[in-house]
PDB file of N, CA and C in Angstrom:
ATOM      1  N   UNK A   1      -2.848   3.061 -15.772  1.00  0.00           N
ATOM      2  CA  UNK A   1      -3.109   2.827 -14.370  1.00  0.00           C
ATOM      3  C   UNK A   1      -4.363   3.591 -13.986  1.00  0.00           C
ATOM      4  N   UNK A   2      -5.331   2.903 -13.441  1.00  0.00           N
ATOM      5  CA  UNK A   2      -6.606   3.490 -13.060  1.00  0.00           C
ATOM      6  C   UNK A   2      -6.510   4.026 -11.637  1.00  0.00           C
ATOM      7  N   UNK A   3      -6.385   5.341 -11.514  1.00  0.00           N
ATOM      8  CA  UNK A   3      -6.190   5.973 -10.214  1.00  0.00           C
ATOM      9  C   UNK A   3      -7.371   5.743  -9.287  1.00  0.00           C
ATOM     10  N   UNK A   4      -8.578   5.805  -9.817  1.00  0.00           N
ATOM     11  CA  UNK A   4      -9.748   5.625  -8.949  1.00  0.00           C
ATOM     12  C   UNK A   4      -9.811   4.191  -8.411  1.00  0.00           C
ATOM     13  N   UNK A   5      -9.357   3.227  -9.210  1.00  0.00           N
ATOM     14  CA  UNK A   5      -9.327   1.826  -8.747  1.00  0.00           C
ATOM     15  C   UNK A   5      -8.294   1.653  -7.629  1.00  0.00           C
ATOM     16  N   UNK A   6      -7.146   2.296  -7.794  1.00  0.00           N
ATOM     17  CA  UNK A   6      -6.116   2.233  -6.754  1.00  0.00           C
ATOM     18  C   UNK A   6      -6.625   2.897  -5.478  1.00  0.00           C
ATOM     19  N   UNK A   7      -7.297   4.033  -5.629  1.00  0.00           N
ATOM     20  CA  UNK A   7      -7.859   4.724  -4.462  1.00  0.00           C
ATOM     21  C   UNK A   7      -8.882   3.835  -3.755  1.00  0.00           C
ATOM     22  N   UNK A   8      -9.680   3.092  -4.525  1.00  0.00           N
ATOM     23  CA  UNK A   8     -10.657   2.173  -3.940  1.00  0.00           C
ATOM     24  C   UNK A   8      -9.956   1.055  -3.182  1.00  0.00           C
ATOM     25  N   UNK A   9      -8.888   0.511  -3.762  1.00  0.00           N
ATOM     26  CA  UNK A   9      -8.127  -0.535  -3.070  1.00  0.00           C
ATOM     27  C   UNK A   9      -7.540  -0.003  -1.767  1.00  0.00           C
ATOM     28  N   UNK A  10      -6.997   1.198  -1.830  1.00  0.00           N
ATOM     29  CA  UNK A  10      -6.408   1.788  -0.618  1.00  0.00           C
ATOM     30  C   UNK A  10      -7.490   2.014   0.429  1.00  0.00           C
ATOM     31  N   UNK A  11      -8.668   2.435   0.002  1.00  0.00           N
ATOM     32  CA  UNK A  11      -9.777   2.623   0.941  1.00  0.00           C
ATOM     33  C   UNK A  11     -10.118   1.312   1.643  1.00  0.00           C
ATOM     34  N   UNK A  12     -10.167   0.218   0.882  1.00  0.00           N
ATOM     35  CA  UNK A  12     -10.445  -1.106   1.457  1.00  0.00           C
ATOM     36  C   UNK A  12      -9.348  -1.484   2.454  1.00  0.00           C
ATOM     37  N   UNK A  13      -8.093  -1.255   2.071  1.00  0.00           N
ATOM     38  CA  UNK A  13      -6.972  -1.581   2.955  1.00  0.00           C
ATOM     39  C   UNK A  13      -7.020  -0.746   4.231  1.00  0.00           C
ATOM     40  N   UNK A  14      -7.374   0.512   4.096  1.00  0.00           N
ATOM     41  CA  UNK A  14      -7.493   1.374   5.271  1.00  0.00           C
ATOM     42  C   UNK A  14      -8.582   0.860   6.209  1.00  0.00           C
ATOM     43  N   UNK A  15      -9.715   0.457   5.634  1.00  0.00           N
ATOM     44  CA  UNK A  15     -10.806  -0.081   6.449  1.00  0.00           C
ATOM     45  C   UNK A  15     -10.365  -1.336   7.193  1.00  0.00           C
ATOM     46  N   UNK A  16      -9.634  -2.218   6.508  1.00  0.00           N
ATOM     47  CA  UNK A  16      -9.187  -3.474   7.131  1.00  0.00           C
ATOM     48  C   UNK A  16      -8.204  -3.237   8.269  1.00  0.00           C
ATOM     49  N   UNK A  17      -7.463  -2.142   8.187  1.00  0.00           N
ATOM     50  CA  UNK A  17      -6.427  -1.889   9.188  1.00  0.00           C
ATOM     51  C   UNK A  17      -6.827  -0.814  10.200  1.00  0.00           C
ATOM     52  N   UNK A  18      -8.047  -0.304  10.099  1.00  0.00           N
ATOM     53  CA  UNK A  18      -8.524   0.685  11.060  1.00  0.00           C
ATOM     54  C   UNK A  18      -7.955   2.081  10.863  1.00  0.00           C
ATOM     55  N   UNK A  19      -7.408   2.334   9.692  1.00  0.00           N
ATOM     56  CA  UNK A  19      -6.805   3.626   9.388  1.00  0.00           C
ATOM     57  C   UNK A  19      -7.783   4.426   8.535  1.00  0.00           C
ATOM     58  N   UNK A  20      -8.107   5.641   8.958  1.00  0.00           N
ATOM     59  CA  UNK A  20      -9.037   6.426   8.145  1.00  0.00           C
ATOM     60  C   UNK A  20      -8.349   6.816   6.842  1.00  0.00           C
ATOM     61  N   UNK A  21      -9.128   6.825   5.771  1.00  0.00           N
ATOM     62  CA  UNK A  21      -8.534   7.178   4.476  1.00  0.00           C
ATOM     63  C   UNK A  21      -8.048   8.620   4.500  1.00  0.00           C
ATOM     64  N   UNK A  22      -8.726   9.485   5.262  1.00  0.00           N
ATOM     65  CA  UNK A  22      -8.298  10.876   5.364  1.00  0.00           C
ATOM     66  C   UNK A  22      -6.912  10.960   5.993  1.00  0.00           C
ATOM     67  N   UNK A  23      -6.711  10.224   7.070  1.00  0.00           N
ATOM     68  CA  UNK A  23      -5.402  10.233   7.733  1.00  0.00           C
ATOM     69  C   UNK A  23      -4.336   9.641   6.816  1.00  0.00           C
ATOM     70  N   UNK A  24      -4.675   8.553   6.140  1.00  0.00           N
ATOM     71  CA  UNK A  24      -3.709   7.918   5.253  1.00  0.00           C
ATOM     72  C   UNK A  24      -3.255   8.881   4.160  1.00  0.00           C
ATOM     73  N   UNK A  25      -4.221   9.482   3.465  1.00  0.00           N
ATOM     74  CA  UNK A  25      -3.863  10.346   2.339  1.00  0.00           C
ATOM     75  C   UNK A  25      -3.263  11.679   2.774  1.00  0.00           C
ATOM     76  N   UNK A  26      -3.807  12.288   3.813  1.00  0.00           N
ATOM     77  CA  UNK A  26      -3.307  13.611   4.185  1.00  0.00           C
ATOM     78  C   UNK A  26      -2.042  13.547   5.036  1.00  0.00           C
ATOM     79  N   UNK A  27      -2.045  12.718   6.068  1.00  0.00           N
ATOM     80  CA  UNK A  27      -0.894  12.682   6.972  1.00  0.00           C
ATOM     81  C   UNK A  27       0.207  11.754   6.490  1.00  0.00           C
ATOM     82  N   UNK A  28      -0.165  10.589   5.994  1.00  0.00           N
ATOM     83  CA  UNK A  28       0.854   9.610   5.616  1.00  0.00           C
ATOM     84  C   UNK A  28       1.431   9.904   4.227  1.00  0.00           C
ATOM     85  N   UNK A  29       0.565  10.212   3.254  1.00  0.00           N
ATOM     86  CA  UNK A  29       1.044  10.468   1.895  1.00  0.00           C
ATOM     87  C   UNK A  29       1.207  11.959   1.582  1.00  0.00           C
ATOM     88  N   UNK A  30       0.623  12.820   2.395  1.00  0.00           N
ATOM     89  CA  UNK A  30       0.774  14.253   2.187  1.00  0.00           C
ATOM     90  C   UNK A  30      -0.141  14.843   1.126  1.00  0.00           C
ATOM     91  N   UNK A  31      -1.283  14.198   0.870  1.00  0.00           N
ATOM     92  CA  UNK A  31      -2.248  14.707  -0.103  1.00  0.00           C
ATOM     93  C   UNK A  31      -3.127  15.767   0.531  1.00  0.00           C
ATOM     94  N   UNK A  32      -3.565  16.700  -0.284  1.00  0.00           N
ATOM     95  CA  UNK A  32      -4.464  17.734   0.216  1.00  0.00           C
ATOM     96  C   UNK A  32      -5.907  17.511  -0.220  1.00  0.00           C
ATOM     97  N   UNK A  33      -6.119  16.928  -1.396  1.00  0.00           N
ATOM     98  CA  UNK A  33      -7.461  16.784  -1.929  1.00  0.00           C
ATOM     99  C   UNK A  33      -7.734  15.327  -2.309  1.00  0.00           C
ATOM    100  N   UNK A  34      -8.335  14.604  -1.393  1.00  0.00           N
ATOM    101  CA  UNK A  34      -8.619  13.182  -1.600  1.00  0.00           C
ATOM    102  C   UNK A  34      -9.656  12.984  -2.709  1.00  0.00           C
ATOM    103  N   UNK A  35     -10.633  13.876  -2.784  1.00  0.00           N
ATOM    104  CA  UNK A  35     -11.703  13.723  -3.763  1.00  0.00           C
ATOM    105  C   UNK A  35     -11.158  13.718  -5.196  1.00  0.00           C
ATOM    106  N   UNK A  36     -10.187  14.576  -5.477  1.00  0.00           N
ATOM    107  CA  UNK A  36      -9.619  14.607  -6.826  1.00  0.00           C
ATOM    108  C   UNK A  36      -8.922  13.289  -7.164  1.00  0.00           C
ATOM    109  N   UNK A  37      -8.297  12.679  -6.176  1.00  0.00           N
ATOM    110  CA  UNK A  37      -7.660  11.383  -6.390  1.00  0.00           C
ATOM    111  C   UNK A  37      -8.715  10.321  -6.666  1.00  0.00           C
ATOM    112  N   UNK A  38      -9.752  10.289  -5.846  1.00  0.00           N
ATOM    113  CA  UNK A  38     -10.809   9.292  -6.012  1.00  0.00           C
ATOM    114  C   UNK A  38     -11.536   9.456  -7.346  1.00  0.00           C
ATOM    115  N   UNK A  39     -11.609  10.658  -7.848  1.00  0.00           N
ATOM    116  CA  UNK A  39     -12.270  10.919  -9.130  1.00  0.00           C
ATOM    117  C   UNK A  39     -11.326  10.699 -10.315  1.00  0.00           C
ATOM    118  N   UNK A  40     -10.068  10.393 -10.033  1.00  0.00           N
ATOM    119  CA  UNK A  40      -9.103  10.143 -11.092  1.00  0.00           C
ATOM    120  C   UNK A  40      -8.549  11.400 -11.733  1.00  0.00           C
ATOM    121  N   UNK A  41      -8.755  12.556 -11.102  1.00  0.00           N
ATOM    122  CA  UNK A  41      -8.271  13.819 -11.666  1.00  0.00           C
ATOM    123  C   UNK A  41      -6.774  14.013 -11.435  1.00  0.00           C
ATOM    124  N   UNK A  42      -6.262  13.421 -10.382  1.00  0.00           N
ATOM    125  CA  UNK A  42      -4.824  13.464 -10.111  1.00  0.00           C
ATOM    126  C   UNK A  42      -4.349  12.047  -9.819  1.00  0.00           C
ATOM    127  N   UNK A  43      -3.054  11.828  -9.950  1.00  0.00           N
ATOM    128  CA  UNK A  43      -2.502  10.490  -9.748  1.00  0.00           C
ATOM    129  C   UNK A  43      -1.473  10.490  -8.630  1.00  0.00           C
ATOM    130  N   UNK A  44      -1.318   9.329  -8.046  1.00  0.00           N
ATOM    131  CA  UNK A  44      -0.262   9.138  -7.061  1.00  0.00           C
ATOM    132  C   UNK A  44       1.071   9.011  -7.792  1.00  0.00           C
ATOM    133  N   UNK A  45       2.106   9.539  -7.186  1.00  0.00           N
ATOM    134  CA  UNK A  45       3.443   9.365  -7.755  1.00  0.00           C
ATOM    135  C   UNK A  45       3.917   7.938  -7.472  1.00  0.00           C
ATOM    136  N   UNK A  46       4.958   7.531  -8.154  1.00  0.00           N
ATOM    137  CA  UNK A  46       5.529   6.206  -7.911  1.00  0.00           C
ATOM    138  C   UNK A  46       5.979   6.099  -6.453  1.00  0.00           C
ATOM    139  N   UNK A  47       6.570   7.160  -5.929  1.00  0.00           N
ATOM    140  CA  UNK A  47       7.003   7.149  -4.521  1.00  0.00           C
ATOM    141  C   UNK A  47       5.819   6.975  -3.580  1.00  0.00           C
ATOM    142  N   UNK A  48       4.704   7.632  -3.864  1.00  0.00           N
ATOM    143  CA  UNK A  48       3.519   7.498  -3.022  1.00  0.00           C
ATOM    144  C   UNK A  48       2.924   6.098  -3.131  1.00  0.00           C
ATOM    145  N   UNK A  49       2.917   5.544  -4.338  1.00  0.00           N
ATOM    146  CA  UNK A  49       2.445   4.168  -4.507  1.00  0.00           C
ATOM    147  C   UNK A  49       3.308   3.198  -3.713  1.00  0.00           C
ATOM    148  N   UNK A  50       4.630   3.394  -3.799  1.00  0.00           N
ATOM    149  CA  UNK A  50       5.538   2.511  -3.068  1.00  0.00           C
ATOM    150  C   UNK A  50       5.355   2.664  -1.563  1.00  0.00           C
ATOM    151  N   UNK A  51       5.131   3.877  -1.117  1.00  0.00           N
ATOM    152  CA  UNK A  51       4.913   4.126   0.312  1.00  0.00           C
ATOM    153  C   UNK A  51       3.645   3.405   0.795  1.00  0.00           C
ATOM    154  N   UNK A  52       2.598   3.416  -0.030  1.00  0.00           N
ATOM    155  CA  UNK A  52       1.368   2.700   0.304  1.00  0.00           C
ATOM    156  C   UNK A  52       1.631   1.201   0.358  1.00  0.00           C
ATOM    157  N   UNK A  53       2.365   0.694  -0.629  1.00  0.00           N
ATOM    158  CA  UNK A  53       2.698  -0.734  -0.660  1.00  0.00           C
ATOM    159  C   UNK A  53       3.492  -1.136   0.576  1.00  0.00           C
ATOM    160  N   UNK A  54       4.431  -0.298   0.959  1.00  0.00           N
ATOM    161  CA  UNK A  54       5.257  -0.611   2.120  1.00  0.00           C
ATOM    162  C   UNK A  54       4.411  -0.709   3.385  1.00  0.00           C
ATOM    163  N   UNK A  55       3.487   0.222   3.564  1.00  0.00           N
ATOM    164  CA  UNK A  55       2.667   0.207   4.771  1.00  0.00           C
ATOM    165  C   UNK A  55       1.789  -1.037   4.831  1.00  0.00           C
ATOM    166  N   UNK A  56       1.177  -1.386   3.703  1.00  0.00           N
ATOM    167  CA  UNK A  56       0.241  -2.512   3.686  1.00  0.00           C
ATOM    168  C   UNK A  56       0.905  -3.835   3.326  1.00  0.00           C
ATOM    169  N   UNK A  57       2.225  -3.842   3.175  1.00  0.00           N
ATOM    170  CA  UNK A  57       2.990  -5.052   2.877  1.00  0.00           C
ATOM    171  C   UNK A  57       2.499  -5.727   1.591  1.00  0.00           C
ATOM    172  N   UNK A  58       2.376  -4.904   0.547  1.00  0.00           N
ATOM    173  CA  UNK A  58       1.947  -5.389  -0.759  1.00  0.00           C
ATOM    174  C   UNK A  58       3.017  -5.074  -1.788  1.00  0.00           C
ATOM    175  N   UNK A  59       2.978  -5.810  -2.890  1.00  0.00           N
ATOM    176  CA  UNK A  59       3.844  -5.459  -4.010  1.00  0.00           C
ATOM    177  C   UNK A  59       3.147  -4.368  -4.821  1.00  0.00           C
ATOM    178  N   UNK A  60       3.911  -3.669  -5.619  1.00  0.00           N
ATOM    179  CA  UNK A  60       3.338  -2.647  -6.490  1.00  0.00           C
ATOM    180  C   UNK A  60       2.339  -3.281  -7.457  1.00  0.00           C
ATOM    181  N   UNK A  61       2.640  -4.498  -7.901  1.00  0.00           N
ATOM    182  CA  UNK A  61       1.724  -5.221  -8.791  1.00  0.00           C
ATOM    183  C   UNK A  61       0.384  -5.481  -8.101  1.00  0.00           C
ATOM    184  N   UNK A  62       0.430  -5.867  -6.817  1.00  0.00           N
ATOM    185  CA  UNK A  62      -0.809  -6.107  -6.070  1.00  0.00           C
ATOM    186  C   UNK A  62      -1.685  -4.858  -6.028  1.00  0.00           C
ATOM    187  N   UNK A  63      -1.055  -3.726  -5.812  1.00  0.00           N
ATOM    188  CA  UNK A  63      -1.811  -2.483  -5.672  1.00  0.00           C
ATOM    189  C   UNK A  63      -2.321  -1.959  -7.011  1.00  0.00           C
ATOM    190  N   UNK A  64      -1.548  -2.138  -8.066  1.00  0.00           N
ATOM    191  CA  UNK A  64      -1.928  -1.566  -9.366  1.00  0.00           C
ATOM    192  C   UNK A  64      -2.672  -2.543 -10.270  1.00  0.00           C
ATOM    193  N   UNK A  65      -2.739  -3.809  -9.884  1.00  0.00           N
ATOM    194  CA  UNK A  65      -3.463  -4.799 -10.664  1.00  0.00           C
ATOM    195  C   UNK A  65      -4.918  -4.367 -10.810  1.00  0.00           C
ATOM    196  N   UNK A  66      -5.491  -4.612 -11.967  1.00  0.00           N
ATOM    197  CA  UNK A  66      -6.847  -4.149 -12.235  1.00  0.00           C
ATOM    198  C   UNK A  66      -7.915  -4.905 -11.463  1.00  0.00           C
ATOM    199  N   UNK A  67      -7.580  -6.034 -10.908  1.00  0.00           N
ATOM    200  CA  UNK A  67      -8.546  -6.833 -10.177  1.00  0.00           C
ATOM    201  C   UNK A  67      -8.933  -6.136  -8.870  1.00  0.00           C
ATOM    202  N   UNK A  68     -10.215  -6.146  -8.584  1.00  0.00           N
ATOM    203  CA  UNK A  68     -10.698  -5.630  -7.303  1.00  0.00           C
ATOM    204  C   UNK A  68     -11.152  -6.783  -6.413  1.00  0.00           C
ATOM    205  N   UNK A  69     -10.618  -7.971  -6.704  1.00  0.00           N
ATOM    206  CA  UNK A  69     -10.958  -9.119  -5.883  1.00  0.00           C
ATOM    207  C   UNK A  69     -10.532  -8.858  -4.448  1.00  0.00           C
ATOM    208  N   UNK A  70     -10.958  -9.730  -3.584  1.00  0.00           N
ATOM    209  CA  UNK A  70     -10.628  -9.599  -2.162  1.00  0.00           C
ATOM    210  C   UNK A  70      -9.134  -9.422  -1.983  1.00  0.00           C
ATOM    211  N   UNK A  71      -8.765  -8.347  -1.343  1.00  0.00           N
ATOM    212  CA  UNK A  71      -7.353  -8.089  -1.073  1.00  0.00           C
ATOM    213  C   UNK A  71      -6.944  -8.861   0.171  1.00  0.00           C
ATOM    214  N   UNK A  72      -5.957  -9.686   0.024  1.00  0.00           N
ATOM    215  CA  UNK A  72      -5.471 -10.472   1.151  1.00  0.00           C
ATOM    216  C   UNK A  72      -4.228  -9.807   1.725  1.00  0.00           C
ATOM    217  N   UNK A  73      -4.254  -9.574   3.008  1.00  0.00           N
ATOM    218  CA  UNK A  73      -3.087  -9.050   3.701  1.00  0.00           C
ATOM    219  C   UNK A  73      -2.485 -10.187   4.501  1.00  0.00           C
ATOM    220  N   UNK A  74      -1.184 -10.425   4.297  1.00  0.00           N
ATOM    221  CA  UNK A  74      -0.521 -11.505   5.031  1.00  0.00           C
ATOM    222  C   UNK A  74      -0.623 -11.261   6.532  1.00  0.00           C
ATOM    223  N   UNK A  75      -0.166 -10.137   6.949  1.00  0.00           N
ATOM    224  CA  UNK A  75      -0.225  -9.732   8.350  1.00  0.00           C
ATOM    225  C   UNK A  75      -0.519  -8.248   8.371  1.00  0.00           C
ATOM    226  N   UNK A  76      -1.393  -7.857   9.240  1.00  0.00           N
ATOM    227  CA  UNK A  76      -1.635  -6.429   9.333  1.00  0.00           C
ATOM    228  C   UNK A  76      -1.965  -6.055  10.764  1.00  0.00           C
ATOM    229  N   UNK A  77      -1.727  -4.802  11.047  1.00  0.00           N
ATOM    230  CA  UNK A  77      -1.950  -4.253  12.368  1.00  0.00           C
ATOM    231  C   UNK A  77      -3.204  -3.397  12.343  1.00  0.00           C
ATOM    232  N   UNK A  78      -3.693  -3.086  13.540  1.00  0.00           N
ATOM    233  CA  UNK A  78      -4.739  -2.084  13.660  1.00  0.00           C
ATOM    234  C   UNK A  78      -4.033  -0.744  13.794  1.00  0.00           C
ATOM    235  N   UNK A  79      -4.078   0.043  12.739  1.00  0.00           N
ATOM    236  CA  UNK A  79      -3.350   1.306  12.687  1.00  0.00           C
ATOM    237  C   UNK A  79      -4.080   2.456  13.366  1.00  0.00           C
ATOM    238  N   UNK A  80      -5.300   2.239  13.818  1.00  0.00           N
ATOM    239  CA  UNK A  80      -6.131   3.351  14.275  1.00  0.00           C
ATOM    240  C   UNK A  80      -5.526   4.138  15.434  1.00  0.00           C
ATOM    241  N   UNK A  81      -4.788   3.492  16.300  1.00  0.00           N
ATOM    242  CA  UNK A  81      -4.245   4.201  17.469  1.00  0.00           C
ATOM    243  C   UNK A  81      -2.745   4.467  17.355  1.00  0.00           C
ATOM    244  N   UNK A  82      -2.163   4.157  16.229  1.00  0.00           N
ATOM    245  CA  UNK A  82      -0.720   4.315  16.072  1.00  0.00           C
ATOM    246  C   UNK A  82      -0.346   5.722  15.619  1.00  0.00           C
ATOM    247  N   UNK A  83       0.779   6.179  16.115  1.00  0.00           N
ATOM    248  CA  UNK A  83       1.316   7.472  15.699  1.00  0.00           C
ATOM    249  C   UNK A  83       1.902   7.338  14.298  1.00  0.00           C
ATOM    250  N   UNK A  84       2.059   8.454  13.617  1.00  0.00           N
ATOM    251  CA  UNK A  84       2.619   8.427  12.266  1.00  0.00           C
ATOM    252  C   UNK A  84       4.024   7.833  12.247  1.00  0.00           C
ATOM    253  N   UNK A  85       4.807   8.080  13.292  1.00  0.00           N
ATOM    254  CA  UNK A  85       6.154   7.502  13.363  1.00  0.00           C
ATOM    255  C   UNK A  85       6.081   5.975  13.398  1.00  0.00           C
ATOM    256  N   UNK A  86       5.071   5.439  14.079  1.00  0.00           N
ATOM    257  CA  UNK A  86       4.885   3.988  14.124  1.00  0.00           C
ATOM    258  C   UNK A  86       4.538   3.441  12.735  1.00  0.00           C
ATOM    259  N   UNK A  87       3.708   4.176  12.009  1.00  0.00           N
ATOM    260  CA  UNK A  87       3.346   3.752  10.655  1.00  0.00           C
ATOM    261  C   UNK A  87       4.581   3.709   9.762  1.00  0.00           C
ATOM    262  N   UNK A  88       5.441   4.703   9.905  1.00  0.00           N
ATOM    263  CA  UNK A  88       6.678   4.723   9.117  1.00  0.00           C
ATOM    264  C   UNK A  88       7.579   3.545   9.483  1.00  0.00           C
ATOM    265  N   UNK A  89       7.649   3.201  10.762  1.00  0.00           N
ATOM    266  CA  UNK A  89       8.450   2.057  11.198  1.00  0.00           C
ATOM    267  C   UNK A  89       7.912   0.747  10.649  1.00  0.00           C
ATOM    268  N   UNK A  90       6.602   0.583  10.693  1.00  0.00           N
ATOM    269  CA  UNK A  90       5.982  -0.633  10.155  1.00  0.00           C
ATOM    270  C   UNK A  90       6.212  -0.716   8.652  1.00  0.00           C
ATOM    271  N   UNK A  91       6.092   0.416   7.966  1.00  0.00           N
ATOM    272  CA  UNK A  91       6.328   0.438   6.518  1.00  0.00           C
ATOM    273  C   UNK A  91       7.757   0.021   6.198  1.00  0.00           C
ATOM    274  N   UNK A  92       8.723   0.476   7.002  1.00  0.00           N
ATOM    275  CA  UNK A  92      10.124   0.114   6.763  1.00  0.00           C
ATOM    276  C   UNK A  92      10.338  -1.382   6.956  1.00  0.00           C
ATOM    277  N   UNK A  93       9.741  -1.941   7.979  1.00  0.00           N
ATOM    278  CA  UNK A  93       9.864  -3.383   8.229  1.00  0.00           C
ATOM    279  C   UNK A  93       9.195  -4.173   7.108  1.00  0.00           C
ATOM    280  N   UNK A  94       8.011  -3.733   6.688  1.00  0.00           N
ATOM    281  CA  UNK A  94       7.308  -4.414   5.594  1.00  0.00           C
ATOM    282  C   UNK A  94       8.097  -4.351   4.291  1.00  0.00           C
ATOM    283  N   UNK A  95       8.788  -3.239   4.061  1.00  0.00           N
ATOM    284  CA  UNK A  95       9.602  -3.114   2.846  1.00  0.00           C
ATOM    285  C   UNK A  95      10.720  -4.147   2.869  1.00  0.00           C
ATOM    286  N   UNK A  96      11.338  -4.341   4.014  1.00  0.00           N
ATOM    287  CA  UNK A  96      12.384  -5.359   4.153  1.00  0.00           C
ATOM    288  C   UNK A  96      11.795  -6.743   3.878  1.00  0.00           C
ATOM    289  N   UNK A  97      10.611  -6.998   4.428  1.00  0.00           N
ATOM    290  CA  UNK A  97       9.961  -8.299   4.220  1.00  0.00           C
ATOM    291  C   UNK A  97       9.626  -8.521   2.742  1.00  0.00           C
ATOM    292  N   UNK A  98       9.137  -7.487   2.059  1.00  0.00           N
ATOM    293  CA  UNK A  98       8.824  -7.610   0.629  1.00  0.00           C
ATOM    294  C   UNK A  98      10.090  -7.863  -0.182  1.00  0.00           C
ATOM    295  N   UNK A  99      11.168  -7.156   0.150  1.00  0.00           N
ATOM    296  CA  UNK A  99      12.437  -7.362  -0.556  1.00  0.00           C
ATOM    297  C   UNK A  99      12.947  -8.788  -0.361  1.00  0.00           C
ATOM    298  N   UNK A 100      12.831  -9.303   0.853  1.00  0.00           N
ATOM    299  CA  UNK A 100      13.252 -10.679   1.139  1.00  0.00           C
ATOM    300  C   UNK A 100      12.413 -11.669   0.336  1.00  0.00           C
ATOM    301  N   UNK A 101      11.125 -11.427   0.273  1.00  0.00           N
ATOM    302  CA  UNK A 101      10.221 -12.293  -0.484  1.00  0.00           C
ATOM    303  C   UNK A 101      10.610 -12.308  -1.969  1.00  0.00           C
ATOM    304  N   UNK A 102      10.894 -11.123  -2.510  1.00  0.00           N
ATOM    305  CA  UNK A 102      11.287 -11.027  -3.920  1.00  0.00           C
ATOM    306  C   UNK A 102      12.636 -11.681  -4.176  1.00  0.00           C
ATOM    307  N   UNK A 103      13.586 -11.517  -3.259  1.00  0.00           N
ATOM    308  CA  UNK A 103      14.901 -12.154  -3.424  1.00  0.00           C
ATOM    309  C   UNK A 103      14.776 -13.668  -3.370  1.00  0.00           C
ATOM    310  N   UNK A 104      13.951 -14.179  -2.468  1.00  0.00           N
ATOM    311  CA  UNK A 104      13.741 -15.627  -2.394  1.00  0.00           C
ATOM    312  C   UNK A 104      13.111 -16.156  -3.682  1.00  0.00           C
ATOM    313  N   UNK A 105      12.183 -15.397  -4.263  1.00  0.00           N
ATOM    314  CA  UNK A 105      11.560 -15.817  -5.526  1.00  0.00           C
ATOM    315  C   UNK A 105      12.592 -15.859  -6.642  1.00  0.00           C
ATOM    316  N   UNK A 106      13.480 -14.881  -6.669  1.00  0.00           N
ATOM    317  CA  UNK A 106      14.540 -14.861  -7.679  1.00  0.00           C
ATOM    318  C   UNK A 106      15.488 -16.031  -7.505  1.00  0.00           C
ATOM    319  N   UNK A 107      15.877 -16.287  -6.261  1.00  0.00           N
ATOM    320  CA  UNK A 107      16.776 -17.405  -5.988  1.00  0.00           C
ATOM    321  C   UNK A 107      16.136 -18.737  -6.330  1.00  0.00           C
ATOM    322  N   UNK A 108      14.872 -18.882  -6.005  1.00  0.00           N
ATOM    323  CA  UNK A 108      14.153 -20.120  -6.311  1.00  0.00           C
ATOM    324  C   UNK A 108      14.064 -20.319  -7.817  1.00  0.00           C
ATOM    325  N   UNK A 109      13.736 -19.255  -8.527  1.00  0.00           N
ATOM    326  CA  UNK A 109      13.656 -19.337 -10.001  1.00  0.00           C
ATOM    327  C   UNK A 109      15.016 -19.671 -10.602  1.00  0.00           C
ATOM    328  N   UNK A 110      16.093 -19.155 -10.011  1.00  0.00           N
ATOM    329  CA  UNK A 110      17.442 -19.413 -10.512  1.00  0.00           C
ATOM    330  C   UNK A 110      17.871 -20.857 -10.312  1.00  0.00           C
ATOM    331  N   UNK A 111      17.409 -21.500  -9.235  1.00  0.00           N
ATOM    332  CA  UNK A 111      17.789 -22.887  -8.979  1.00  0.00           C
ATOM    333  C   UNK A 111      16.969 -23.853  -9.806  1.00  0.00           C
ATOM    334  N   UNK A 112      15.846 -23.418 -10.351  1.00  0.00           N
ATOM    335  CA  UNK A 112      15.010 -24.277 -11.180  1.00  0.00           C
ATOM    336  C   UNK A 112      15.492 -24.288 -12.624  1.00  0.00           C
ATOM    337  N   UNK A 113      16.361 -23.360 -12.998  1.00  0.00           N
ATOM    338  CA  UNK A 113      16.830 -23.265 -14.389  1.00  0.00           C
ATOM    339  C   UNK A 113      17.817 -24.342 -14.710  1.00  0.00           C
TER     340      UNK A 113
END
């Protein structure tokens, strides 16, 4: 897993949603040194990756995929004026939506067999 590539994707997602990368990494994920992450010296934990996916309504595969193609967000908010509690609420709702999407894919695949 290329940490610097993931950090670049998160930076793009932050820009699209109006969330500063500093706020995302320090306040939302609890990181202290963003530069070390961007340089690939440290890695995000699985929990931190999942937390990022939940906020941006992405699958873990979307975030960790090596492609840096245009990241498409189904629906996104402008996070710039939202409190951290609001971000956590949106992440929880997005997690439910991702789980529903995955369950529907499983059910669809099961009916095609």
